[in-house]
N, C-alpha and C. Protein backbone atom coordinates (compact mmCIF):
# COMPACT_ATOMS: atom_id res chain seq x y z
N UNK A 1 0.85 -1.19 0.00
CA UNK A 1 0.00 0.00 0.00
C UNK A 1 0.88 1.24 0.00
N UNK A 2 0.67 2.13 -0.94
CA UNK A 2 1.49 3.33 -1.07
C UNK A 2 1.22 4.29 0.07
N UNK A 3 2.26 4.98 0.50
CA UNK A 3 2.14 5.97 1.56
C UNK A 3 1.95 7.34 0.94
N UNK A 4 0.91 8.08 1.39
CA UNK A 4 0.71 9.44 0.88
C UNK A 4 1.82 10.34 1.41
N UNK A 5 2.44 11.09 0.50
CA UNK A 5 3.53 11.99 0.88
C UNK A 5 3.11 13.42 0.54
N UNK A 6 3.06 14.26 1.54
CA UNK A 6 2.69 15.65 1.36
C UNK A 6 3.67 16.33 0.42
N UNK A 7 3.20 16.94 -0.67
CA UNK A 7 4.10 17.61 -1.62
C UNK A 7 4.96 18.69 -0.98
N UNK A 8 4.42 19.41 0.01
CA UNK A 8 5.20 20.46 0.67
C UNK A 8 6.36 19.87 1.46
N UNK A 9 6.10 18.72 2.10
CA UNK A 9 7.18 18.07 2.84
C UNK A 9 8.22 17.53 1.86
N UNK A 10 7.77 17.05 0.72
CA UNK A 10 8.70 16.60 -0.31
C UNK A 10 9.63 17.73 -0.74
N UNK A 11 9.07 18.93 -0.90
CA UNK A 11 9.87 20.09 -1.30
C UNK A 11 10.90 20.44 -0.22
N UNK A 12 10.46 20.38 1.04
CA UNK A 12 11.37 20.68 2.13
C UNK A 12 12.52 19.68 2.19
N UNK A 13 12.19 18.41 1.99
CA UNK A 13 13.24 17.39 2.04
C UNK A 13 14.21 17.56 0.87
N UNK A 14 13.70 17.93 -0.29
CA UNK A 14 14.56 18.14 -1.46
C UNK A 14 15.56 19.26 -1.19
N UNK A 15 15.10 20.35 -0.59
CA UNK A 15 15.99 21.47 -0.27
C UNK A 15 17.01 21.06 0.79
N UNK A 16 16.56 20.28 1.76
CA UNK A 16 17.47 19.79 2.80
C UNK A 16 18.55 18.93 2.16
N UNK A 17 18.16 18.07 1.25
CA UNK A 17 19.11 17.18 0.58
C UNK A 17 20.15 17.98 -0.20
N UNK A 18 19.69 19.00 -0.91
CA UNK A 18 20.61 19.82 -1.70
C UNK A 18 21.64 20.52 -0.82
N UNK A 19 21.23 20.91 0.37
CA UNK A 19 22.13 21.67 1.23
C UNK A 19 23.03 20.79 2.10
N UNK A 20 22.50 19.67 2.59
CA UNK A 20 23.22 18.94 3.64
C UNK A 20 23.68 17.52 3.28
N UNK A 21 23.28 17.00 2.15
CA UNK A 21 23.63 15.60 1.85
C UNK A 21 25.12 15.33 1.97
N UNK A 22 25.94 16.22 1.46
CA UNK A 22 27.39 16.01 1.46
C UNK A 22 28.01 16.09 2.86
N UNK A 23 27.24 16.55 3.84
CA UNK A 23 27.75 16.63 5.21
C UNK A 23 27.67 15.28 5.93
N UNK A 24 26.95 14.35 5.34
CA UNK A 24 26.79 13.02 5.94
C UNK A 24 27.63 11.99 5.19
N UNK A 25 27.93 10.89 5.85
CA UNK A 25 28.56 9.78 5.16
C UNK A 25 27.53 9.13 4.25
N UNK A 26 27.98 8.30 3.33
CA UNK A 26 27.05 7.64 2.42
C UNK A 26 26.06 6.78 3.19
N UNK A 27 26.54 6.03 4.19
CA UNK A 27 25.64 5.18 4.97
C UNK A 27 24.62 6.01 5.74
N UNK A 28 25.08 7.13 6.31
CA UNK A 28 24.16 7.99 7.05
C UNK A 28 23.08 8.54 6.13
N UNK A 29 23.50 9.03 4.96
CA UNK A 29 22.51 9.61 4.06
C UNK A 29 21.56 8.56 3.51
N UNK A 30 22.06 7.38 3.20
CA UNK A 30 21.20 6.30 2.71
C UNK A 30 20.11 6.00 3.73
N UNK A 31 20.50 6.00 5.02
CA UNK A 31 19.52 5.75 6.08
C UNK A 31 18.48 6.87 6.12
N UNK A 32 18.96 8.11 6.09
CA UNK A 32 18.06 9.26 6.16
C UNK A 32 17.07 9.24 4.99
N UNK A 33 17.56 9.01 3.80
CA UNK A 33 16.70 9.05 2.62
C UNK A 33 15.68 7.90 2.64
N UNK A 34 16.10 6.74 3.13
CA UNK A 34 15.21 5.59 3.16
C UNK A 34 14.11 5.75 4.22
N UNK A 35 14.48 6.31 5.38
CA UNK A 35 13.53 6.34 6.49
C UNK A 35 12.83 7.69 6.70
N UNK A 36 13.21 8.71 5.98
CA UNK A 36 12.66 10.04 6.24
C UNK A 36 11.14 10.04 6.28
N UNK A 37 10.50 9.50 5.27
CA UNK A 37 9.03 9.51 5.22
C UNK A 37 8.44 8.35 6.03
N UNK A 38 9.18 7.25 6.15
CA UNK A 38 8.67 6.11 6.89
C UNK A 38 8.56 6.41 8.38
N UNK A 39 9.47 7.22 8.92
CA UNK A 39 9.50 7.50 10.35
C UNK A 39 8.93 8.86 10.72
N UNK A 40 8.36 9.51 9.73
CA UNK A 40 7.89 10.88 9.93
C UNK A 40 6.91 11.02 11.10
N UNK A 41 6.08 10.02 11.30
CA UNK A 41 5.10 10.06 12.39
C UNK A 41 5.29 8.89 13.36
N UNK A 42 6.50 8.39 13.41
CA UNK A 42 6.78 7.25 14.28
C UNK A 42 7.46 7.69 15.57
N UNK A 43 6.98 7.20 16.68
CA UNK A 43 7.60 7.50 17.98
C UNK A 43 8.94 6.79 18.14
N UNK A 44 9.23 5.87 17.23
CA UNK A 44 10.46 5.10 17.31
C UNK A 44 11.59 5.71 16.48
N UNK A 45 11.36 6.88 15.92
CA UNK A 45 12.39 7.53 15.11
C UNK A 45 13.61 7.85 15.99
N UNK A 46 14.82 7.58 15.47
CA UNK A 46 16.03 7.88 16.25
C UNK A 46 16.26 9.38 16.33
N UNK A 47 17.16 9.77 17.24
CA UNK A 47 17.42 11.18 17.51
C UNK A 47 17.84 11.93 16.25
N UNK A 48 18.65 11.30 15.42
CA UNK A 48 19.12 11.95 14.20
C UNK A 48 17.95 12.37 13.31
N UNK A 49 16.95 11.52 13.20
CA UNK A 49 15.79 11.85 12.38
C UNK A 49 14.94 12.92 13.05
N UNK A 50 14.82 12.87 14.36
CA UNK A 50 14.03 13.88 15.07
C UNK A 50 14.62 15.27 14.87
N UNK A 51 15.95 15.35 14.83
CA UNK A 51 16.59 16.64 14.61
C UNK A 51 16.28 17.18 13.22
N UNK A 52 16.26 16.30 12.23
CA UNK A 52 15.95 16.73 10.86
C UNK A 52 14.51 17.18 10.76
N UNK A 53 13.60 16.43 11.37
CA UNK A 53 12.19 16.85 11.36
C UNK A 53 12.03 18.21 12.03
N UNK A 54 12.75 18.41 13.12
CA UNK A 54 12.69 19.70 13.80
C UNK A 54 13.29 20.80 12.96
N UNK A 55 14.41 20.51 12.31
CA UNK A 55 15.07 21.49 11.45
C UNK A 55 14.12 21.96 10.35
N UNK A 56 13.32 21.06 9.83
CA UNK A 56 12.40 21.39 8.75
C UNK A 56 11.07 21.95 9.26
N UNK A 57 10.94 22.08 10.57
CA UNK A 57 9.74 22.67 11.15
C UNK A 57 8.50 21.82 10.99
N UNK A 58 8.68 20.51 10.99
CA UNK A 58 7.54 19.60 10.82
C UNK A 58 6.90 19.32 12.17
N UNK A 59 5.69 19.71 12.34
CA UNK A 59 4.97 19.53 13.60
C UNK A 59 4.27 18.18 13.63
N UNK A 60 3.84 17.81 14.83
CA UNK A 60 3.16 16.52 15.03
C UNK A 60 4.00 15.36 14.52
N UNK A 61 5.29 15.46 14.75
CA UNK A 61 6.23 14.42 14.37
C UNK A 61 7.04 14.07 15.61
N UNK A 62 7.96 13.11 15.52
CA UNK A 62 8.78 12.77 16.69
C UNK A 62 9.59 13.95 17.23
N UNK A 63 9.72 15.05 16.45
CA UNK A 63 10.45 16.22 16.95
C UNK A 63 9.78 16.80 18.19
N UNK A 64 8.48 16.50 18.39
CA UNK A 64 7.79 16.97 19.59
C UNK A 64 8.38 16.35 20.85
N UNK A 65 9.17 15.33 20.69
CA UNK A 65 9.91 14.70 21.78
C UNK A 65 10.71 15.75 22.56
N UNK A 66 11.28 16.72 21.86
CA UNK A 66 12.07 17.76 22.51
C UNK A 66 11.17 18.66 23.36
N UNK A 67 9.98 18.92 22.84
CA UNK A 67 9.05 19.75 23.60
C UNK A 67 8.65 19.06 24.90
N UNK A 68 8.48 17.74 24.86
CA UNK A 68 8.13 17.00 26.07
C UNK A 68 9.23 17.11 27.11
N UNK A 69 10.48 17.03 26.66
CA UNK A 69 11.58 17.20 27.60
C UNK A 69 11.62 18.61 28.16
N UNK A 70 11.37 19.59 27.34
CA UNK A 70 11.39 20.97 27.81
C UNK A 70 10.34 21.19 28.89
N UNK A 71 9.15 20.65 28.69
CA UNK A 71 8.10 20.81 29.70
C UNK A 71 8.48 20.13 31.00
N UNK A 72 9.14 18.98 30.93
CA UNK A 72 9.57 18.28 32.14
C UNK A 72 10.65 19.07 32.86
N UNK A 73 11.58 19.62 32.11
CA UNK A 73 12.65 20.42 32.71
C UNK A 73 12.05 21.65 33.41
N UNK A 74 11.09 22.28 32.79
CA UNK A 74 10.47 23.48 33.37
C UNK A 74 9.76 23.17 34.68
N UNK A 75 9.35 21.92 34.86
CA UNK A 75 8.70 21.52 36.12
C UNK A 75 9.69 21.48 37.27
N UNK A 76 10.97 21.24 36.96
CA UNK A 76 11.95 21.02 38.01
C UNK A 76 13.03 22.10 38.12
N UNK A 77 13.21 22.89 37.08
CA UNK A 77 14.27 23.89 37.10
C UNK A 77 13.79 25.20 36.47
N UNK A 78 14.28 26.34 36.96
CA UNK A 78 14.03 27.59 36.24
C UNK A 78 14.84 27.58 34.95
N UNK A 79 14.30 28.16 33.90
CA UNK A 79 15.03 28.15 32.62
C UNK A 79 15.53 29.55 32.25
N UNK A 80 15.47 30.48 33.20
CA UNK A 80 15.90 31.84 32.89
C UNK A 80 17.35 32.11 33.26
N UNK A 81 18.12 31.04 33.48
CA UNK A 81 19.53 31.20 33.81
C UNK A 81 20.42 30.85 32.64
N UNK A 82 21.67 30.54 32.95
CA UNK A 82 22.64 30.16 31.92
C UNK A 82 22.68 28.64 31.81
N UNK A 83 22.20 28.13 30.70
CA UNK A 83 22.03 26.69 30.51
C UNK A 83 23.01 26.17 29.45
N UNK A 84 23.57 25.01 29.74
CA UNK A 84 24.49 24.36 28.80
C UNK A 84 23.82 23.10 28.28
N UNK A 85 23.79 22.96 26.96
CA UNK A 85 23.32 21.69 26.39
C UNK A 85 24.50 20.97 25.75
N UNK A 86 24.64 19.70 26.08
CA UNK A 86 25.76 18.89 25.61
C UNK A 86 25.26 17.85 24.60
N UNK A 87 26.07 17.63 23.57
CA UNK A 87 25.74 16.62 22.54
C UNK A 87 24.40 16.94 21.88
N UNK A 88 24.31 18.16 21.36
CA UNK A 88 23.05 18.65 20.78
C UNK A 88 22.73 18.03 19.43
N UNK A 89 23.69 17.38 18.80
CA UNK A 89 23.44 16.77 17.50
C UNK A 89 23.75 17.69 16.35
N UNK A 90 23.53 17.21 15.14
CA UNK A 90 23.82 18.00 13.94
C UNK A 90 23.08 19.33 13.93
N UNK A 91 21.85 19.29 14.42
CA UNK A 91 21.01 20.49 14.48
C UNK A 91 20.48 20.62 15.92
N UNK A 92 20.83 21.68 16.63
CA UNK A 92 20.47 21.81 18.06
C UNK A 92 19.01 22.22 18.26
N UNK A 93 18.11 21.34 17.87
CA UNK A 93 16.68 21.66 17.91
C UNK A 93 16.19 21.91 19.33
N UNK A 94 16.63 21.07 20.28
CA UNK A 94 16.18 21.28 21.65
C UNK A 94 16.68 22.62 22.18
N UNK A 95 17.95 22.94 21.91
CA UNK A 95 18.50 24.22 22.38
C UNK A 95 17.73 25.39 21.79
N UNK A 96 17.30 25.26 20.54
CA UNK A 96 16.51 26.32 19.92
C UNK A 96 15.17 26.49 20.61
N UNK A 97 14.54 25.36 20.96
CA UNK A 97 13.27 25.42 21.69
C UNK A 97 13.46 26.14 23.04
N UNK A 98 14.55 25.79 23.70
CA UNK A 98 14.85 26.38 25.00
C UNK A 98 15.14 27.86 24.88
N UNK A 99 15.96 28.23 23.90
CA UNK A 99 16.31 29.64 23.69
C UNK A 99 15.07 30.47 23.36
N UNK A 100 14.16 29.87 22.59
CA UNK A 100 12.91 30.55 22.25
C UNK A 100 12.09 30.84 23.50
N UNK A 101 12.00 29.86 24.40
CA UNK A 101 11.27 30.04 25.65
C UNK A 101 11.92 31.12 26.51
N UNK A 102 13.25 31.13 26.55
CA UNK A 102 13.96 32.16 27.31
C UNK A 102 13.68 33.55 26.73
N UNK A 103 13.55 33.61 25.41
CA UNK A 103 13.26 34.89 24.77
C UNK A 103 11.91 35.44 25.21
N UNK A 104 10.95 34.56 25.44
CA UNK A 104 9.64 35.00 25.91
C UNK A 104 9.74 35.57 27.32
N UNK A 105 10.65 34.98 28.12
CA UNK A 105 10.85 35.45 29.49
C UNK A 105 11.67 36.73 29.50
N UNK A 106 12.57 36.84 28.52
CA UNK A 106 13.44 38.01 28.46
C UNK A 106 14.72 37.84 29.24
N UNK A 107 15.07 36.58 29.54
CA UNK A 107 16.25 36.33 30.35
C UNK A 107 16.72 34.90 30.12
N UNK A 108 18.05 34.71 30.13
CA UNK A 108 18.61 33.37 30.01
C UNK A 108 19.45 33.19 28.75
N UNK A 109 20.39 32.25 28.82
CA UNK A 109 21.24 31.92 27.67
C UNK A 109 21.34 30.40 27.52
N UNK A 110 21.68 29.97 26.32
CA UNK A 110 21.92 28.56 26.04
C UNK A 110 23.27 28.44 25.34
N UNK A 111 24.15 27.62 25.90
CA UNK A 111 25.45 27.37 25.32
C UNK A 111 25.51 25.91 24.89
N UNK A 112 25.87 25.66 23.64
CA UNK A 112 25.84 24.31 23.07
C UNK A 112 27.26 23.80 22.83
N UNK A 113 27.49 22.54 23.20
CA UNK A 113 28.74 21.85 22.88
C UNK A 113 28.41 20.63 22.04
N UNK A 114 28.88 20.64 20.80
CA UNK A 114 28.61 19.53 19.88
C UNK A 114 29.61 19.58 18.72
N UNK A 115 30.49 18.59 18.61
CA UNK A 115 31.48 18.60 17.53
C UNK A 115 30.90 18.34 16.14
N UNK A 116 29.66 17.83 16.08
CA UNK A 116 29.08 17.48 14.79
C UNK A 116 28.08 18.51 14.27
N UNK A 117 28.10 19.72 14.81
CA UNK A 117 27.18 20.75 14.34
C UNK A 117 27.36 21.00 12.84
N UNK A 118 26.25 21.11 12.12
CA UNK A 118 26.31 21.36 10.68
C UNK A 118 26.00 22.81 10.32
N UNK A 119 25.44 23.54 11.25
CA UNK A 119 25.09 24.94 11.01
C UNK A 119 25.56 25.76 12.20
N UNK A 120 26.51 26.67 11.98
CA UNK A 120 27.09 27.45 13.08
C UNK A 120 26.45 28.81 13.25
N UNK A 121 25.31 29.02 12.64
CA UNK A 121 24.59 30.28 12.80
C UNK A 121 23.50 30.11 13.85
N UNK A 122 23.63 30.77 15.01
CA UNK A 122 22.60 30.62 16.05
C UNK A 122 21.25 31.14 15.56
N UNK A 123 20.20 30.40 15.88
CA UNK A 123 18.87 30.81 15.46
C UNK A 123 18.37 31.98 16.30
N UNK A 124 18.84 32.05 17.56
CA UNK A 124 18.42 33.11 18.46
C UNK A 124 19.64 33.78 19.06
N UNK A 125 19.54 35.07 19.40
CA UNK A 125 20.72 35.81 19.90
C UNK A 125 21.24 35.34 21.25
N UNK A 126 20.44 34.64 22.01
CA UNK A 126 20.88 34.16 23.33
C UNK A 126 21.51 32.77 23.26
N UNK A 127 21.86 32.32 22.04
CA UNK A 127 22.51 31.03 21.85
C UNK A 127 23.99 31.22 21.51
N UNK A 128 24.84 30.36 22.07
CA UNK A 128 26.26 30.32 21.73
C UNK A 128 26.62 28.90 21.33
N UNK A 129 27.26 28.74 20.18
CA UNK A 129 27.58 27.42 19.66
C UNK A 129 29.08 27.14 19.75
N UNK A 130 29.41 25.97 20.28
CA UNK A 130 30.80 25.51 20.33
C UNK A 130 30.88 24.18 19.59
N UNK A 131 31.60 24.18 18.46
CA UNK A 131 31.75 22.94 17.70
C UNK A 131 32.92 22.17 18.27
N UNK A 132 32.69 21.58 19.43
CA UNK A 132 33.74 20.86 20.15
C UNK A 132 33.11 19.89 21.14
N UNK A 133 33.94 18.96 21.62
CA UNK A 133 33.47 18.00 22.61
C UNK A 133 33.33 18.66 23.98
N UNK A 134 32.37 18.20 24.73
CA UNK A 134 32.24 18.56 26.14
C UNK A 134 32.98 17.48 26.94
N UNK A 135 33.82 17.90 27.88
CA UNK A 135 34.60 16.96 28.67
C UNK A 135 34.40 17.21 30.15
N UNK A 136 35.03 16.38 30.96
CA UNK A 136 34.97 16.57 32.41
C UNK A 136 35.68 17.85 32.84
N UNK A 137 36.50 18.41 31.94
CA UNK A 137 37.26 19.61 32.26
C UNK A 137 36.67 20.88 31.63
N UNK A 138 35.59 20.76 30.87
CA UNK A 138 34.99 21.95 30.26
C UNK A 138 34.58 22.94 31.34
N UNK A 139 34.90 24.20 31.11
CA UNK A 139 34.64 25.25 32.10
C UNK A 139 33.14 25.51 32.22
N UNK A 140 32.60 25.32 33.40
CA UNK A 140 31.18 25.55 33.65
C UNK A 140 30.94 26.80 34.51
N UNK A 141 31.94 27.65 34.59
CA UNK A 141 31.78 28.90 35.35
C UNK A 141 30.59 29.68 34.81
N UNK A 142 29.70 30.05 35.67
CA UNK A 142 28.53 30.83 35.28
C UNK A 142 27.34 30.01 34.84
N UNK A 143 27.53 28.71 34.66
CA UNK A 143 26.42 27.86 34.24
C UNK A 143 25.52 27.53 35.42
N UNK A 144 24.22 27.44 35.17
CA UNK A 144 23.26 27.09 36.21
C UNK A 144 22.73 25.67 36.06
N UNK A 145 22.62 25.22 34.83
CA UNK A 145 22.02 23.92 34.55
C UNK A 145 22.71 23.31 33.33
N UNK A 146 23.03 22.01 33.42
CA UNK A 146 23.65 21.29 32.30
C UNK A 146 22.68 20.21 31.83
N UNK A 147 22.40 20.20 30.54
CA UNK A 147 21.40 19.29 29.98
C UNK A 147 22.02 18.40 28.90
N UNK A 148 21.62 17.13 28.90
CA UNK A 148 21.99 16.23 27.83
C UNK A 148 20.77 15.42 27.43
N UNK A 149 20.34 15.54 26.18
CA UNK A 149 19.21 14.76 25.67
C UNK A 149 19.80 13.66 24.78
N UNK A 150 19.82 12.45 25.30
CA UNK A 150 20.48 11.33 24.62
C UNK A 150 21.93 11.69 24.28
N UNK A 151 22.73 12.04 25.28
CA UNK A 151 24.11 12.48 25.03
C UNK A 151 25.11 11.38 24.75
N UNK A 152 24.66 10.12 24.79
CA UNK A 152 25.52 8.98 24.44
C UNK A 152 26.84 9.00 25.21
N UNK A 153 27.97 9.04 24.49
CA UNK A 153 29.27 8.92 25.14
C UNK A 153 29.60 10.11 26.06
N UNK A 154 28.86 11.20 25.93
CA UNK A 154 29.11 12.37 26.78
C UNK A 154 28.39 12.28 28.12
N UNK A 155 27.63 11.21 28.33
CA UNK A 155 26.82 11.09 29.55
C UNK A 155 27.65 11.24 30.82
N UNK A 156 28.74 10.49 30.91
CA UNK A 156 29.52 10.53 32.15
C UNK A 156 30.29 11.84 32.28
N UNK A 157 30.68 12.45 31.18
CA UNK A 157 31.35 13.75 31.25
C UNK A 157 30.41 14.80 31.84
N UNK A 158 29.15 14.76 31.43
CA UNK A 158 28.16 15.68 32.00
C UNK A 158 28.02 15.41 33.50
N UNK A 159 27.84 14.16 33.83
CA UNK A 159 27.61 13.77 35.21
C UNK A 159 28.77 14.20 36.11
N UNK A 160 30.00 13.85 35.73
CA UNK A 160 31.16 14.19 36.54
C UNK A 160 31.35 15.70 36.66
N UNK A 161 31.30 16.39 35.54
CA UNK A 161 31.57 17.82 35.54
C UNK A 161 30.50 18.60 36.30
N UNK A 162 29.25 18.31 36.03
CA UNK A 162 28.17 19.04 36.68
C UNK A 162 28.13 18.79 38.19
N UNK A 163 28.22 17.53 38.58
CA UNK A 163 28.13 17.22 40.01
C UNK A 163 29.35 17.73 40.76
N UNK A 164 30.54 17.56 40.18
CA UNK A 164 31.76 18.01 40.85
C UNK A 164 31.73 19.51 41.10
N UNK A 165 31.16 20.27 40.16
CA UNK A 165 31.11 21.72 40.30
C UNK A 165 29.76 22.21 40.81
N UNK A 166 28.97 21.27 41.32
CA UNK A 166 27.70 21.57 41.98
C UNK A 166 26.75 22.38 41.10
N UNK A 167 26.64 21.91 39.86
CA UNK A 167 25.69 22.49 38.92
C UNK A 167 24.47 21.58 38.81
N UNK A 168 23.32 22.16 38.62
CA UNK A 168 22.14 21.34 38.38
C UNK A 168 22.30 20.61 37.05
N UNK A 169 21.69 19.43 36.96
CA UNK A 169 21.83 18.66 35.73
C UNK A 169 20.55 17.90 35.41
N UNK A 170 20.38 17.64 34.13
CA UNK A 170 19.25 16.86 33.62
C UNK A 170 19.81 16.03 32.47
N UNK A 171 19.87 14.71 32.67
CA UNK A 171 20.43 13.82 31.67
C UNK A 171 19.37 12.80 31.25
N UNK A 172 18.91 12.91 30.02
CA UNK A 172 17.97 11.93 29.47
C UNK A 172 18.80 10.89 28.72
N UNK A 173 18.98 9.74 29.34
CA UNK A 173 19.88 8.74 28.79
C UNK A 173 19.35 8.12 27.49
N UNK A 174 20.28 7.64 26.69
CA UNK A 174 19.92 7.01 25.42
C UNK A 174 19.77 5.50 25.62
N UNK A 175 19.52 4.78 24.54
CA UNK A 175 19.35 3.33 24.63
C UNK A 175 20.57 2.57 24.16
N UNK A 176 21.73 3.24 24.17
CA UNK A 176 22.97 2.60 23.74
C UNK A 176 23.75 2.05 24.94
N UNK A 177 24.62 1.13 24.65
CA UNK A 177 25.52 0.60 25.68
C UNK A 177 26.89 1.26 25.50
N UNK A 178 27.21 2.17 26.42
CA UNK A 178 28.49 2.87 26.34
C UNK A 178 29.45 2.40 27.43
N UNK A 179 29.24 1.19 27.91
CA UNK A 179 30.16 0.59 28.87
C UNK A 179 31.51 0.37 28.21
N UNK A 180 32.60 0.39 28.98
CA UNK A 180 33.93 0.15 28.40
C UNK A 180 33.97 -1.17 27.64
N UNK A 181 34.39 -1.12 26.39
CA UNK A 181 34.51 -2.32 25.58
C UNK A 181 33.24 -2.73 24.86
N UNK A 182 32.14 -2.03 25.11
CA UNK A 182 30.86 -2.42 24.49
C UNK A 182 30.92 -2.32 22.97
N UNK A 183 31.74 -1.40 22.45
CA UNK A 183 31.81 -1.23 20.99
C UNK A 183 32.39 -2.45 20.29
N UNK A 184 33.04 -3.32 21.06
CA UNK A 184 33.62 -4.53 20.46
C UNK A 184 32.66 -5.72 20.50
N UNK A 185 31.50 -5.52 21.12
CA UNK A 185 30.52 -6.61 21.20
C UNK A 185 29.58 -6.57 20.02
N UNK A 186 29.01 -7.71 19.69
CA UNK A 186 27.94 -7.74 18.71
C UNK A 186 26.76 -6.96 19.28
N UNK A 187 25.98 -6.36 18.39
CA UNK A 187 24.86 -5.52 18.83
C UNK A 187 23.94 -6.28 19.78
N UNK A 188 23.67 -7.56 19.47
CA UNK A 188 22.74 -8.34 20.30
C UNK A 188 23.31 -8.63 21.68
N UNK A 189 24.63 -8.49 21.85
CA UNK A 189 25.26 -8.75 23.15
C UNK A 189 25.40 -7.49 24.00
N UNK A 190 25.09 -6.35 23.40
CA UNK A 190 25.18 -5.11 24.15
C UNK A 190 23.94 -4.95 25.03
N UNK A 191 24.12 -4.32 26.18
CA UNK A 191 23.00 -4.16 27.10
C UNK A 191 22.99 -2.76 27.70
N UNK A 192 22.12 -1.88 27.21
CA UNK A 192 22.06 -0.53 27.79
C UNK A 192 21.65 -0.54 29.25
N UNK A 193 20.95 -1.58 29.68
CA UNK A 193 20.46 -1.62 31.07
C UNK A 193 21.63 -1.49 32.06
N UNK A 194 22.69 -2.25 31.84
CA UNK A 194 23.80 -2.23 32.79
C UNK A 194 24.53 -0.90 32.77
N UNK A 195 24.68 -0.32 31.58
CA UNK A 195 25.30 1.00 31.49
C UNK A 195 24.43 2.04 32.20
N UNK A 196 23.13 1.96 31.99
CA UNK A 196 22.22 2.90 32.64
C UNK A 196 22.27 2.74 34.16
N UNK A 197 22.28 1.50 34.65
CA UNK A 197 22.33 1.27 36.09
C UNK A 197 23.65 1.72 36.68
N UNK A 198 24.75 1.46 35.97
CA UNK A 198 26.06 1.92 36.44
C UNK A 198 26.09 3.44 36.53
N UNK A 199 25.46 4.10 35.58
CA UNK A 199 25.42 5.57 35.58
C UNK A 199 24.62 6.08 36.77
N UNK A 200 23.50 5.46 37.05
CA UNK A 200 22.68 5.87 38.20
C UNK A 200 23.45 5.67 39.50
N UNK A 201 24.12 4.54 39.64
CA UNK A 201 24.90 4.26 40.85
C UNK A 201 26.04 5.26 41.01
N UNK A 202 26.70 5.58 39.91
CA UNK A 202 27.82 6.52 39.98
C UNK A 202 27.33 7.93 40.31
N UNK A 203 26.18 8.31 39.78
CA UNK A 203 25.62 9.62 40.09
C UNK A 203 25.29 9.73 41.58
N UNK A 204 24.77 8.67 42.14
CA UNK A 204 24.48 8.66 43.58
C UNK A 204 25.76 8.82 44.39
N UNK A 205 26.80 8.10 43.97
CA UNK A 205 28.09 8.18 44.68
C UNK A 205 28.66 9.59 44.61
N UNK A 206 28.60 10.18 43.43
CA UNK A 206 29.16 11.51 43.26
C UNK A 206 28.39 12.55 44.07
N UNK A 207 27.07 12.39 44.14
CA UNK A 207 26.28 13.35 44.91
C UNK A 207 26.51 13.21 46.41
N UNK A 208 26.94 12.04 46.83
CA UNK A 208 27.33 11.90 48.24
C UNK A 208 28.65 12.63 48.50
N UNK A 209 29.54 12.57 47.50
CA UNK A 209 30.85 13.21 47.65
C UNK A 209 30.77 14.72 47.45
N UNK A 210 29.93 15.15 46.51
CA UNK A 210 29.76 16.58 46.22
C UNK A 210 28.28 16.92 46.36
N UNK A 211 27.79 17.10 47.59
CA UNK A 211 26.36 17.28 47.82
C UNK A 211 25.75 18.44 47.02
N UNK A 212 24.70 18.12 46.31
CA UNK A 212 23.95 19.15 45.56
C UNK A 212 22.55 18.63 45.29
N UNK A 213 21.89 18.25 46.37
CA UNK A 213 20.55 17.70 46.25
C UNK A 213 20.57 16.19 46.11
N UNK A 214 19.40 15.62 45.92
CA UNK A 214 19.26 14.17 45.79
C UNK A 214 19.02 13.78 44.33
N UNK A 215 19.52 12.62 43.96
CA UNK A 215 19.32 12.13 42.59
C UNK A 215 17.87 11.68 42.41
N UNK A 216 17.28 12.12 41.33
CA UNK A 216 15.94 11.69 40.95
C UNK A 216 16.04 10.93 39.63
N UNK A 217 15.31 9.83 39.52
CA UNK A 217 15.30 9.04 38.30
C UNK A 217 13.86 8.89 37.84
N UNK A 218 13.58 9.31 36.63
CA UNK A 218 12.22 9.23 36.10
C UNK A 218 12.31 8.83 34.63
N UNK A 219 11.21 8.93 33.93
CA UNK A 219 11.20 8.67 32.49
C UNK A 219 10.18 9.58 31.84
N UNK A 220 10.26 9.67 30.53
CA UNK A 220 9.35 10.52 29.79
C UNK A 220 8.02 9.83 29.60
N UNK A 221 6.95 10.49 29.98
CA UNK A 221 5.63 9.91 29.81
C UNK A 221 5.23 9.92 28.33
N UNK A 222 4.41 8.99 27.96
CA UNK A 222 3.89 8.90 26.58
C UNK A 222 5.02 8.77 25.57
N UNK A 223 6.05 8.02 25.94
CA UNK A 223 7.16 7.77 25.04
C UNK A 223 7.41 6.27 25.08
N UNK A 224 7.62 5.63 23.92
CA UNK A 224 7.67 4.16 23.88
C UNK A 224 8.87 3.52 24.58
N UNK A 225 9.94 4.30 24.85
CA UNK A 225 11.11 3.73 25.50
C UNK A 225 11.22 4.25 26.93
N UNK A 226 11.58 3.37 27.86
CA UNK A 226 11.66 3.78 29.26
C UNK A 226 13.09 4.11 29.66
N UNK A 227 13.80 4.83 28.82
CA UNK A 227 15.16 5.22 29.15
C UNK A 227 15.13 6.15 30.36
N UNK A 228 16.02 5.93 31.32
CA UNK A 228 15.99 6.76 32.53
C UNK A 228 16.42 8.20 32.29
N UNK A 229 15.80 9.09 33.04
CA UNK A 229 16.17 10.51 33.07
C UNK A 229 16.69 10.80 34.47
N UNK A 230 17.89 11.34 34.56
CA UNK A 230 18.52 11.63 35.85
C UNK A 230 18.58 13.14 36.05
N UNK A 231 18.21 13.60 37.24
CA UNK A 231 18.36 15.01 37.57
C UNK A 231 18.49 15.14 39.08
N UNK A 232 19.01 16.28 39.50
CA UNK A 232 19.16 16.50 40.94
C UNK A 232 18.02 17.37 41.47
N UNK A 233 17.59 17.06 42.68
CA UNK A 233 16.53 17.82 43.31
C UNK A 233 17.01 18.33 44.65
N UNK A 234 16.99 19.65 44.83
CA UNK A 234 17.47 20.25 46.07
C UNK A 234 16.32 20.37 47.08
């Protein structure tokens, strides 16, 4: 059965392809082109696809995932301070959502660390882009909150740096196994559960050593994956 494809969305994807195709590897682009329309309304779309949908301004798509995280963050933290987002992806869609909300308030900044950024022009004046890795040594002076939405390998760098310097943090973990040596295992032998549990245990240990509230573990409601979300509560 053929899938109806909105002509306007087709035009948007064509323009995206003309501008960004060469920024991806052949395997990456083959995946994007094959799944772009198939995952357009799927809750199972990976982060890379959600960023593209957000970049193209497609509503009622998995890109709304970022809005759900923003609403959860607003429940637990003020967003009118200096916020750092780590591992924002090729297109920092979540950071843009956050910066837009800060603009309505009239206060706050968003600083992004992501080595794979494809567009270095900030969408809003209160955004600062750093095309570089975030590490345990990245300077967090002046930061109020550090956020990672599926930060993958940067998860522990966020955790160590934020907790050590007593910064608030919100880490929405991914479904990958980033345990030492996991990259050498077959995909079916990898287990994100143990990496996630190790991360939770380490966060608890660090908060005992550098007190800054209690660790809270939750998950995103109305989302098909129960990946843990870690944040501190004072």
